[in-house]
Amino acid sequence: MQHLVISLLSPAVVAAVVAGVVAARRRFVVVRVAGTSMVPTYQPGDRVLIRRGGRAVLRRGQVVVFRRLQPGGAGSAGRASGLRETEWLIKRVAAMPGDRVPDQVAPGVRASPGDVVPAGRLVVLGDGPTSRDSRHWGYLPVSEVLGVVIRRLS
């Protein structure tokens, strides 16, 4: 009788495990860091674990991965169909919608003293001294964010 119960439960257990793995693959992504814009925090070649989504709970100071912007700060036109075909960048959130625009970013976003970051936009900065970021190409649309870095894997 016990063998019968185990054999009846096994397909359900297997299905639950498979569903969990599939859900985890959709929720988490591993990205390899390229370039030096986040040195010393992340080195070229480091692999980082990203939690996809969660745009509604972004916070200042988090490191995010986002779709590379076209010149002028616009999102990717004719977006690639998959994660592997898209060029991703990694930067730290310096200001959220409603926050005052940081002084070092104001010229890049054409902001006056006291202006705030508009709704649906972020200010992102690299940790490294040679980073190209919001100081150069303006606000980042929140819609371009893939997710938040959870931790370094390598």
Protein backbone atom coordinates (compact mmCIF):
# COMPACT_ATOMS: atom_id res chain seq x y z
CA MET A 1 0.00 0.00 0.00
CA GLN A 2 2.83 2.40 0.90
CA HIS A 3 4.51 1.71 -2.49
CA LEU A 4 1.23 2.54 -4.26
CA VAL A 5 0.94 5.91 -2.46
CA ILE A 6 4.56 6.81 -3.28
CA SER A 7 4.14 5.88 -6.94
CA LEU A 8 0.94 7.97 -7.17
CA LEU A 9 2.62 10.97 -5.55
CA SER A 10 5.82 10.79 -7.57
CA PRO A 11 4.40 12.35 -10.77
CA ALA A 12 2.93 15.19 -8.71
CA VAL A 13 6.23 15.75 -6.90
CA VAL A 14 8.17 15.64 -10.16
CA ALA A 15 5.74 18.11 -11.76
CA ALA A 16 6.09 20.47 -8.79
CA VAL A 17 9.89 20.34 -8.95
CA VAL A 18 9.89 20.95 -12.71
CA ALA A 19 7.46 23.87 -12.31
CA GLY A 20 9.70 25.34 -9.61
CA VAL A 21 12.80 25.10 -11.79
CA VAL A 22 11.00 26.71 -14.74
CA ALA A 23 9.71 29.53 -12.53
CA ALA A 24 13.19 30.12 -11.09
CA ARG A 25 14.71 30.33 -14.58
CA ARG A 26 12.18 33.01 -15.50
CA ARG A 27 12.78 34.96 -12.29
CA PHE A 28 16.59 34.76 -12.10
CA VAL A 29 19.25 35.39 -14.74
CA VAL A 30 23.04 35.19 -14.64
CA VAL A 31 24.83 38.04 -16.42
CA ARG A 32 28.57 38.37 -17.09
CA VAL A 33 30.01 41.84 -16.42
CA ALA A 34 31.85 43.39 -19.36
CA GLY A 35 33.85 46.59 -19.09
CA THR A 36 35.17 48.58 -16.16
CA SER A 37 32.33 50.98 -15.36
CA MET A 38 31.50 49.20 -12.07
CA VAL A 39 35.10 48.69 -10.83
CA PRO A 40 35.88 48.20 -7.95
CA THR A 41 32.48 46.68 -7.09
CA TYR A 42 32.43 44.31 -10.08
CA GLN A 43 35.36 43.33 -12.29
CA PRO A 44 35.18 42.47 -16.00
CA GLY A 45 34.25 38.79 -16.27
CA ASP A 46 32.40 38.63 -12.93
CA ARG A 47 29.11 36.76 -13.09
CA VAL A 48 26.20 38.28 -11.18
CA LEU A 49 22.80 36.86 -10.28
CA ILE A 50 19.91 39.10 -11.33
CA ARG A 51 16.36 38.99 -9.97
CA ARG A 52 14.18 39.90 -12.94
CA GLY A 53 11.30 42.32 -12.61
CA GLY A 54 10.70 44.08 -9.35
CA ARG A 55 10.71 47.50 -11.03
CA ALA A 56 8.08 48.65 -8.56
CA VAL A 57 10.44 48.06 -5.62
CA LEU A 58 13.63 49.62 -6.99
CA ARG A 59 15.61 51.61 -4.42
CA ARG A 60 18.39 54.13 -4.54
CA GLY A 61 21.77 52.38 -4.18
CA GLN A 62 20.75 49.12 -5.84
CA VAL A 63 22.75 47.86 -8.80
CA VAL A 64 20.57 47.19 -11.84
CA VAL A 65 21.03 45.56 -15.23
CA PHE A 66 19.25 47.26 -18.11
CA ARG A 67 18.94 47.25 -21.86
CA ARG A 68 21.57 49.38 -23.61
CA LEU A 69 20.12 52.74 -24.59
CA GLN A 70 20.31 54.26 -28.03
CA PRO A 71 21.90 57.74 -28.38
CA GLY A 72 19.72 60.40 -26.81
CA GLY A 73 18.52 58.11 -24.00
CA ALA A 74 15.78 56.40 -26.04
CA GLY A 75 15.06 52.73 -25.48
CA SER A 76 16.06 50.10 -28.00
CA ALA A 77 14.09 50.37 -31.20
CA GLY A 78 13.24 47.03 -32.73
CA ARG A 79 14.24 45.17 -29.58
CA ALA A 80 15.96 41.83 -29.88
CA SER A 81 13.75 38.87 -29.22
CA GLY A 82 15.76 37.25 -26.43
CA LEU A 83 18.09 37.96 -23.52
CA ARG A 84 21.15 36.66 -25.35
CA GLU A 85 20.66 38.95 -28.36
CA THR A 86 20.34 42.09 -26.22
CA GLU A 87 23.25 44.18 -24.98
CA TRP A 88 22.92 44.75 -21.22
CA LEU A 89 24.61 47.34 -19.01
CA ILE A 90 25.11 47.38 -15.24
CA LYS A 91 24.99 50.54 -13.09
CA ARG A 92 23.95 51.77 -9.63
CA VAL A 93 20.67 53.67 -9.09
CA ALA A 94 21.64 57.18 -7.92
CA ALA A 95 18.20 58.80 -7.98
CA MET A 96 14.59 57.64 -8.24
CA PRO A 97 11.49 59.38 -9.62
CA GLY A 98 10.76 62.37 -7.37
CA ASP A 99 14.34 62.57 -6.01
CA ARG A 100 16.36 65.71 -6.63
CA VAL A 101 18.63 65.34 -9.68
CA PRO A 102 22.24 64.87 -8.47
CA ASP A 103 24.42 67.88 -9.30
CA GLN A 104 26.96 65.85 -11.32
CA VAL A 105 24.13 64.53 -13.53
CA ALA A 106 22.23 67.81 -14.06
CA PRO A 107 24.06 68.80 -17.28
CA GLY A 108 23.51 65.33 -18.80
CA VAL A 109 19.75 65.48 -18.23
CA ARG A 110 19.44 69.23 -18.88
CA ALA A 111 18.13 69.83 -15.35
CA SER A 112 18.15 73.08 -13.40
CA PRO A 113 19.10 73.25 -9.72
CA GLY A 114 16.28 71.76 -7.64
CA ASP A 115 14.72 69.76 -10.50
CA VAL A 116 13.49 66.25 -9.68
CA VAL A 117 13.75 62.99 -11.61
CA PRO A 118 10.56 62.56 -13.67
CA ALA A 119 8.14 59.67 -13.21
CA GLY A 120 9.21 56.48 -14.99
CA ARG A 121 12.89 57.50 -15.08
CA LEU A 122 16.03 56.72 -13.06
CA VAL A 123 19.46 58.28 -12.72
CA VAL A 124 22.13 55.57 -12.89
CA LEU A 125 25.87 55.91 -12.32
CA GLY A 126 28.76 53.49 -12.64
CA ASP A 127 31.04 53.01 -9.64
CA GLY A 128 34.18 53.41 -11.77
CA PRO A 129 35.76 56.73 -12.75
CA THR A 130 35.42 56.09 -16.51
CA SER A 131 31.76 55.08 -16.52
CA ARG A 132 29.44 56.29 -19.28
CA ASP A 133 26.09 56.71 -17.56
CA SER A 134 23.32 59.23 -16.88
CA ARG A 135 25.93 62.01 -16.86
CA HIS A 136 26.41 61.32 -20.58
CA TRP A 137 23.10 59.97 -21.92
CA GLY A 138 20.46 61.19 -19.52
CA TYR A 139 17.69 59.44 -17.65
CA LEU A 140 17.16 55.69 -17.83
CA PRO A 141 13.55 54.64 -18.55
CA VAL A 142 12.48 52.22 -15.79
CA SER A 143 10.96 50.03 -18.53
CA GLU A 144 14.48 49.17 -19.76
CA VAL A 145 15.51 47.58 -16.43
CA LEU A 146 15.91 43.79 -16.57
CA GLY A 147 16.34 43.42 -12.83
CA VAL A 148 18.37 43.96 -9.67
CA VAL A 149 21.73 42.38 -8.86
CA ILE A 150 21.33 40.01 -5.92
CA ARG A 151 24.96 38.90 -5.61
CA ARG A 152 28.21 38.15 -7.37
CA LEU A 153 28.65 34.49 -8.35
CA SER A 154 32.32 34.59 -9.33
